[in-house]
Amino acid sequence: MNAHILEAVDKYNPQKDVVFLLESGHQAGFFYLTNLPMTPPQCYKTVCKEWTEFQPHHTLSIGVKTQ
């Protein structure tokens, strides 16, 4: 599995692709995301622009308004 991870990291384009290596205890998961509907830089700009939507208090206030 290590060779596969190193190959993906060497080949990935940070302008188009995302590589995740998630580790929990003795287990690890590897994800190589390509052909995304939004590029990582576009995603970053969108999250920064709409940052309040990603805050926990915002979600709670929406729930109160809709009930």
PDB file of N, CA and C in Angstrom:
ATOM      1  N   MET A   1       0.825  -1.197   0.000  1.00  0.00           N
ATOM      2  CA  MET A   1       0.000   0.000   0.000  1.00  0.00           C
ATOM      3  C   MET A   1       0.868   1.259   0.000  1.00  0.00           C
ATOM      4  N   ASN A   2       2.026   1.235   0.613  1.00  0.00           N
ATOM      5  CA  ASN A   2       2.881   2.418   0.667  1.00  0.00           C
ATOM      6  C   ASN A   2       3.300   2.901  -0.710  1.00  0.00           C
ATOM      7  N   ALA A   3       3.655   1.978  -1.596  1.00  0.00           N
ATOM      8  CA  ALA A   3       4.074   2.362  -2.947  1.00  0.00           C
ATOM      9  C   ALA A   3       2.928   3.042  -3.685  1.00  0.00           C
ATOM     10  N   HIS A   4       1.713   2.550  -3.492  1.00  0.00           N
ATOM     11  CA  HIS A   4       0.533   3.130  -4.125  1.00  0.00           C
ATOM     12  C   HIS A   4       0.316   4.563  -3.633  1.00  0.00           C
ATOM     13  N   ILE A   5       0.478   4.786  -2.345  1.00  0.00           N
ATOM     14  CA  ILE A   5       0.304   6.123  -1.777  1.00  0.00           C
ATOM     15  C   ILE A   5       1.372   7.075  -2.314  1.00  0.00           C
ATOM     16  N   LEU A   6       2.613   6.643  -2.300  1.00  0.00           N
ATOM     17  CA  LEU A   6       3.696   7.488  -2.792  1.00  0.00           C
ATOM     18  C   LEU A   6       3.521   7.848  -4.261  1.00  0.00           C
ATOM     19  N   GLU A   7       3.068   6.899  -5.048  1.00  0.00           N
ATOM     20  CA  GLU A   7       2.835   7.152  -6.470  1.00  0.00           C
ATOM     21  C   GLU A   7       1.731   8.188  -6.659  1.00  0.00           C
ATOM     22  N   ALA A   8       0.638   8.046  -5.927  1.00  0.00           N
ATOM     23  CA  ALA A   8      -0.475   8.987  -6.038  1.00  0.00           C
ATOM     24  C   ALA A   8      -0.058  10.388  -5.599  1.00  0.00           C
ATOM     25  N   VAL A   9       0.683  10.475  -4.510  1.00  0.00           N
ATOM     26  CA  VAL A   9       1.132  11.781  -4.015  1.00  0.00           C
ATOM     27  C   VAL A   9       2.089  12.430  -5.012  1.00  0.00           C
ATOM     28  N   ASP A  10       2.944  11.643  -5.621  1.00  0.00           N
ATOM     29  CA  ASP A  10       3.873  12.183  -6.613  1.00  0.00           C
ATOM     30  C   ASP A  10       3.146  12.709  -7.855  1.00  0.00           C
ATOM     31  N   LYS A  11       2.048  12.053  -8.231  1.00  0.00           N
ATOM     32  CA  LYS A  11       1.359  12.391  -9.476  1.00  0.00           C
ATOM     33  C   LYS A  11       0.215  13.390  -9.310  1.00  0.00           C
ATOM     34  N   TYR A  12      -0.251  13.593  -8.084  1.00  0.00           N
ATOM     35  CA  TYR A  12      -1.454  14.413  -7.950  1.00  0.00           C
ATOM     36  C   TYR A  12      -1.180  15.881  -8.250  1.00  0.00           C
ATOM     37  N   ASN A  13      -2.190  16.545  -8.771  1.00  0.00           N
ATOM     38  CA  ASN A  13      -2.121  17.963  -9.114  1.00  0.00           C
ATOM     39  C   ASN A  13      -2.972  18.720  -8.095  1.00  0.00           C
ATOM     40  N   PRO A  14      -2.374  19.512  -7.205  1.00  0.00           N
ATOM     41  CA  PRO A  14      -3.144  20.192  -6.164  1.00  0.00           C
ATOM     42  C   PRO A  14      -4.146  21.218  -6.698  1.00  0.00           C
ATOM     43  N   GLN A  15      -4.015  21.564  -7.974  1.00  0.00           N
ATOM     44  CA  GLN A  15      -4.991  22.472  -8.583  1.00  0.00           C
ATOM     45  C   GLN A  15      -6.251  21.735  -9.030  1.00  0.00           C
ATOM     46  N   LYS A  16      -6.181  20.394  -9.119  1.00  0.00           N
ATOM     47  CA  LYS A  16      -7.304  19.602  -9.618  1.00  0.00           C
ATOM     48  C   LYS A  16      -7.705  18.456  -8.694  1.00  0.00           C
ATOM     49  N   ASP A  17      -6.774  17.914  -7.932  1.00  0.00           N
ATOM     50  CA  ASP A  17      -7.002  16.674  -7.177  1.00  0.00           C
ATOM     51  C   ASP A  17      -6.874  16.905  -5.672  1.00  0.00           C
ATOM     52  N   VAL A  18      -7.391  15.934  -4.916  1.00  0.00           N
ATOM     53  CA  VAL A  18      -7.275  15.949  -3.455  1.00  0.00           C
ATOM     54  C   VAL A  18      -6.793  14.573  -3.006  1.00  0.00           C
ATOM     55  N   VAL A  19      -5.854  14.558  -2.082  1.00  0.00           N
ATOM     56  CA  VAL A  19      -5.343  13.318  -1.509  1.00  0.00           C
ATOM     57  C   VAL A  19      -5.568  13.375  -0.005  1.00  0.00           C
ATOM     58  N   PHE A  20      -6.244  12.360   0.534  1.00  0.00           N
ATOM     59  CA  PHE A  20      -6.480  12.249   1.969  1.00  0.00           C
ATOM     60  C   PHE A  20      -5.824  10.980   2.483  1.00  0.00           C
ATOM     61  N   LEU A  21      -5.148  11.084   3.589  1.00  0.00           N
ATOM     62  CA  LEU A  21      -4.667   9.919   4.310  1.00  0.00           C
ATOM     63  C   LEU A  21      -5.191  10.078   5.726  1.00  0.00           C
ATOM     64  N   LEU A  22      -6.171   9.275   6.083  1.00  0.00           N
ATOM     65  CA  LEU A  22      -6.809   9.349   7.392  1.00  0.00           C
ATOM     66  C   LEU A  22      -6.354   8.172   8.233  1.00  0.00           C
ATOM     67  N   GLU A  23      -5.890   8.463   9.423  1.00  0.00           N
ATOM     68  CA  GLU A  23      -5.378   7.427  10.316  1.00  0.00           C
ATOM     69  C   GLU A  23      -6.143   7.477  11.630  1.00  0.00           C
ATOM     70  N   SER A  24      -6.539   6.315  12.099  1.00  0.00           N
ATOM     71  CA  SER A  24      -7.221   6.195  13.377  1.00  0.00           C
ATOM     72  C   SER A  24      -6.722   4.924  14.057  1.00  0.00           C
ATOM     73  N   GLY A  25      -5.972   5.105  15.116  1.00  0.00           N
ATOM     74  CA  GLY A  25      -5.414   3.944  15.795  1.00  0.00           C
ATOM     75  C   GLY A  25      -4.475   3.190  14.878  1.00  0.00           C
ATOM     76  N   HIS A  26      -4.787   1.918  14.663  1.00  0.00           N
ATOM     77  CA  HIS A  26      -3.948   1.069  13.811  1.00  0.00           C
ATOM     78  C   HIS A  26      -4.498   0.941  12.401  1.00  0.00           C
ATOM     79  N   GLN A  27      -5.502   1.731  12.070  1.00  0.00           N
ATOM     80  CA  GLN A  27      -6.089   1.658  10.734  1.00  0.00           C
ATOM     81  C   GLN A  27      -5.838   2.960   9.980  1.00  0.00           C
ATOM     82  N   ALA A  28      -5.746   2.845   8.672  1.00  0.00           N
ATOM     83  CA  ALA A  28      -5.560   4.017   7.821  1.00  0.00           C
ATOM     84  C   ALA A  28      -6.414   3.865   6.572  1.00  0.00           C
ATOM     85  N   GLY A  29      -6.892   4.978   6.101  1.00  0.00           N
ATOM     86  CA  GLY A  29      -7.650   5.003   4.856  1.00  0.00           C
ATOM     87  C   GLY A  29      -7.011   6.009   3.913  1.00  0.00           C
ATOM     88  N   PHE A  30      -6.929   5.668   2.653  1.00  0.00           N
ATOM     89  CA  PHE A  30      -6.311   6.527   1.651  1.00  0.00           C
ATOM     90  C   PHE A  30      -7.328   6.835   0.567  1.00  0.00           C
ATOM     91  N   PHE A  31      -7.477   8.109   0.248  1.00  0.00           N
ATOM     92  CA  PHE A  31      -8.448   8.539  -0.752  1.00  0.00           C
ATOM     93  C   PHE A  31      -7.759   9.483  -1.723  1.00  0.00           C
ATOM     94  N   TYR A  32      -7.897   9.197  -2.992  1.00  0.00           N
ATOM     95  CA  TYR A  32      -7.325  10.031  -4.054  1.00  0.00           C
ATOM     96  C   TYR A  32      -8.500  10.463  -4.923  1.00  0.00           C
ATOM     97  N   LEU A  33      -8.907  11.715  -4.792  1.00  0.00           N
ATOM     98  CA  LEU A  33     -10.084  12.230  -5.481  1.00  0.00           C
ATOM     99  C   LEU A  33      -9.665  13.016  -6.713  1.00  0.00           C
ATOM    100  N   THR A  34     -10.207  12.624  -7.860  1.00  0.00           N
ATOM    101  CA  THR A  34      -9.910  13.293  -9.124  1.00  0.00           C
ATOM    102  C   THR A  34     -11.216  13.622  -9.831  1.00  0.00           C
ATOM    103  N   ASN A  35     -11.134  14.409 -10.872  1.00  0.00           N
ATOM    104  CA  ASN A  35     -12.307  14.794 -11.675  1.00  0.00           C
ATOM    105  C   ASN A  35     -13.421  15.359 -10.790  1.00  0.00           C
ATOM    106  N   LEU A  36     -13.050  16.228  -9.875  1.00  0.00           N
ATOM    107  CA  LEU A  36     -14.011  16.828  -8.957  1.00  0.00           C
ATOM    108  C   LEU A  36     -14.853  17.878  -9.674  1.00  0.00           C
ATOM    109  N   PRO A  37     -16.108  18.072  -9.251  1.00  0.00           N
ATOM    110  CA  PRO A  37     -16.952  19.079  -9.895  1.00  0.00           C
ATOM    111  C   PRO A  37     -16.466  20.507  -9.623  1.00  0.00           C
ATOM    112  N   MET A  38     -15.680  20.663  -8.551  1.00  0.00           N
ATOM    113  CA  MET A  38     -15.120  21.967  -8.193  1.00  0.00           C
ATOM    114  C   MET A  38     -13.653  21.739  -7.845  1.00  0.00           C
ATOM    115  N   THR A  39     -12.775  22.570  -8.352  1.00  0.00           N
ATOM    116  CA  THR A  39     -11.357  22.393  -8.060  1.00  0.00           C
ATOM    117  C   THR A  39     -11.075  22.768  -6.599  1.00  0.00           C
ATOM    118  N   PRO A  40     -10.007  22.232  -6.015  1.00  0.00           N
ATOM    119  CA  PRO A  40      -9.671  22.599  -4.635  1.00  0.00           C
ATOM    120  C   PRO A  40      -9.537  24.114  -4.420  1.00  0.00           C
ATOM    121  N   PRO A  41      -8.878  24.873  -5.318  1.00  0.00           N
ATOM    122  CA  PRO A  41      -8.821  26.323  -5.106  1.00  0.00           C
ATOM    123  C   PRO A  41     -10.207  26.989  -5.142  1.00  0.00           C
ATOM    124  N   GLN A  42     -11.087  26.520  -6.036  1.00  0.00           N
ATOM    125  CA  GLN A  42     -12.449  27.060  -6.094  1.00  0.00           C
ATOM    126  C   GLN A  42     -13.200  26.738  -4.805  1.00  0.00           C
ATOM    127  N   CYS A  43     -13.027  25.533  -4.322  1.00  0.00           N
ATOM    128  CA  CYS A  43     -13.682  25.119  -3.080  1.00  0.00           C
ATOM    129  C   CYS A  43     -13.200  25.990  -1.918  1.00  0.00           C
ATOM    130  N   TYR A  44     -11.911  26.197  -1.829  1.00  0.00           N
ATOM    131  CA  TYR A  44     -11.343  27.023  -0.772  1.00  0.00           C
ATOM    132  C   TYR A  44     -11.926  28.437  -0.809  1.00  0.00           C
ATOM    133  N   LYS A  45     -11.988  29.027  -1.991  1.00  0.00           N
ATOM    134  CA  LYS A  45     -12.548  30.374  -2.130  1.00  0.00           C
ATOM    135  C   LYS A  45     -14.014  30.408  -1.723  1.00  0.00           C
ATOM    136  N   THR A  46     -14.780  29.395  -2.098  1.00  0.00           N
ATOM    137  CA  THR A  46     -16.191  29.338  -1.746  1.00  0.00           C
ATOM    138  C   THR A  46     -16.377  29.217  -0.238  1.00  0.00           C
ATOM    139  N   VAL A  47     -15.603  28.351   0.388  1.00  0.00           N
ATOM    140  CA  VAL A  47     -15.706  28.178   1.842  1.00  0.00           C
ATOM    141  C   VAL A  47     -15.334  29.477   2.554  1.00  0.00           C
ATOM    142  N   CYS A  48     -14.278  30.133   2.114  1.00  0.00           N
ATOM    143  CA  CYS A  48     -13.882  31.399   2.744  1.00  0.00           C
ATOM    144  C   CYS A  48     -14.960  32.465   2.570  1.00  0.00           C
ATOM    145  N   LYS A  49     -15.557  32.517   1.400  1.00  0.00           N
ATOM    146  CA  LYS A  49     -16.593  33.514   1.108  1.00  0.00           C
ATOM    147  C   LYS A  49     -17.840  33.277   1.957  1.00  0.00           C
ATOM    148  N   GLU A  50     -18.189  32.023   2.165  1.00  0.00           N
ATOM    149  CA  GLU A  50     -19.414  31.661   2.894  1.00  0.00           C
ATOM    150  C   GLU A  50     -19.093  31.056   4.256  1.00  0.00           C
ATOM    151  N   TRP A  51     -18.017  31.476   4.880  1.00  0.00           N
ATOM    152  CA  TRP A  51     -17.519  30.856   6.113  1.00  0.00           C
ATOM    153  C   TRP A  51     -18.593  30.741   7.189  1.00  0.00           C
ATOM    154  N   THR A  52     -19.467  31.709   7.345  1.00  0.00           N
ATOM    155  CA  THR A  52     -20.475  31.653   8.408  1.00  0.00           C
ATOM    156  C   THR A  52     -21.410  30.463   8.247  1.00  0.00           C
ATOM    157  N   GLU A  53     -21.637  30.022   7.040  1.00  0.00           N
ATOM    158  CA  GLU A  53     -22.489  28.851   6.824  1.00  0.00           C
ATOM    159  C   GLU A  53     -21.883  27.577   7.389  1.00  0.00           C
ATOM    160  N   PHE A  54     -20.569  27.556   7.565  1.00  0.00           N
ATOM    161  CA  PHE A  54     -19.886  26.349   8.018  1.00  0.00           C
ATOM    162  C   PHE A  54     -19.663  26.347   9.531  1.00  0.00           C
ATOM    163  N   GLN A  55     -20.207  27.325  10.229  1.00  0.00           N
ATOM    164  CA  GLN A  55     -20.049  27.413  11.669  1.00  0.00           C
ATOM    165  C   GLN A  55     -21.224  26.723  12.372  1.00  0.00           C
ATOM    166  N   PRO A  56     -20.973  26.007  13.462  1.00  0.00           N
ATOM    167  CA  PRO A  56     -22.050  25.283  14.166  1.00  0.00           C
ATOM    168  C   PRO A  56     -23.190  26.182  14.616  1.00  0.00           C
ATOM    169  N   HIS A  57     -22.916  27.369  15.093  1.00  0.00           N
ATOM    170  CA  HIS A  57     -23.984  28.245  15.562  1.00  0.00           C
ATOM    171  C   HIS A  57     -24.923  28.645  14.431  1.00  0.00           C
ATOM    172  N   HIS A  58     -24.433  28.740  13.218  1.00  0.00           N
ATOM    173  CA  HIS A  58     -25.273  29.084  12.079  1.00  0.00           C
ATOM    174  C   HIS A  58     -26.299  27.985  11.823  1.00  0.00           C
ATOM    175  N   THR A  59     -25.892  26.739  11.892  1.00  0.00           N
ATOM    176  CA  THR A  59     -26.799  25.611  11.681  1.00  0.00           C
ATOM    177  C   THR A  59     -27.908  25.613  12.729  1.00  0.00           C
ATOM    178  N   LEU A  60     -27.547  25.872  13.963  1.00  0.00           N
ATOM    179  CA  LEU A  60     -28.534  25.902  15.034  1.00  0.00           C
ATOM    180  C   LEU A  60     -29.524  27.040  14.834  1.00  0.00           C
ATOM    181  N   SER A  61     -29.073  28.193  14.399  1.00  0.00           N
ATOM    182  CA  SER A  61     -29.986  29.314  14.224  1.00  0.00           C
ATOM    183  C   SER A  61     -30.944  29.043  13.058  1.00  0.00           C
ATOM    184  N   ILE A  62     -30.513  28.332  12.037  1.00  0.00           N
ATOM    185  CA  ILE A  62     -31.415  27.967  10.931  1.00  0.00           C
ATOM    186  C   ILE A  62     -32.499  27.029  11.448  1.00  0.00           C
ATOM    187  N   GLY A  63     -32.117  26.058  12.264  1.00  0.00           N
ATOM    188  CA  GLY A  63     -33.091  25.123  12.824  1.00  0.00           C
ATOM    189  C   GLY A  63     -34.147  25.823  13.645  1.00  0.00           C
ATOM    190  N   VAL A  64     -33.774  26.824  14.374  1.00  0.00           N
ATOM    191  CA  VAL A  64     -34.736  27.576  15.199  1.00  0.00           C
ATOM    192  C   VAL A  64     -35.695  28.348  14.319  1.00  0.00           C
ATOM    193  N   LYS A  65     -35.200  28.926  13.244  1.00  0.00           N
ATOM    194  CA  LYS A  65     -36.045  29.732  12.352  1.00  0.00           C
ATOM    195  C   LYS A  65     -37.062  28.878  11.601  1.00  0.00           C
ATOM    196  N   THR A  66     -36.729  27.645  11.280  1.00  0.00           N
ATOM    197  CA  THR A  66     -37.618  26.818  10.463  1.00  0.00           C
ATOM    198  C   THR A  66     -38.664  26.074  11.290  1.00  0.00           C
ATOM    199  N   GLN A  67     -38.536  26.079  12.600  1.00  0.00           N
ATOM    200  CA  GLN A  67     -39.501  25.331  13.401  1.00  0.00           C
ATOM    201  C   GLN A  67     -40.650  26.186  13.867  1.00  0.00           C
TER     202      GLN A  67
END
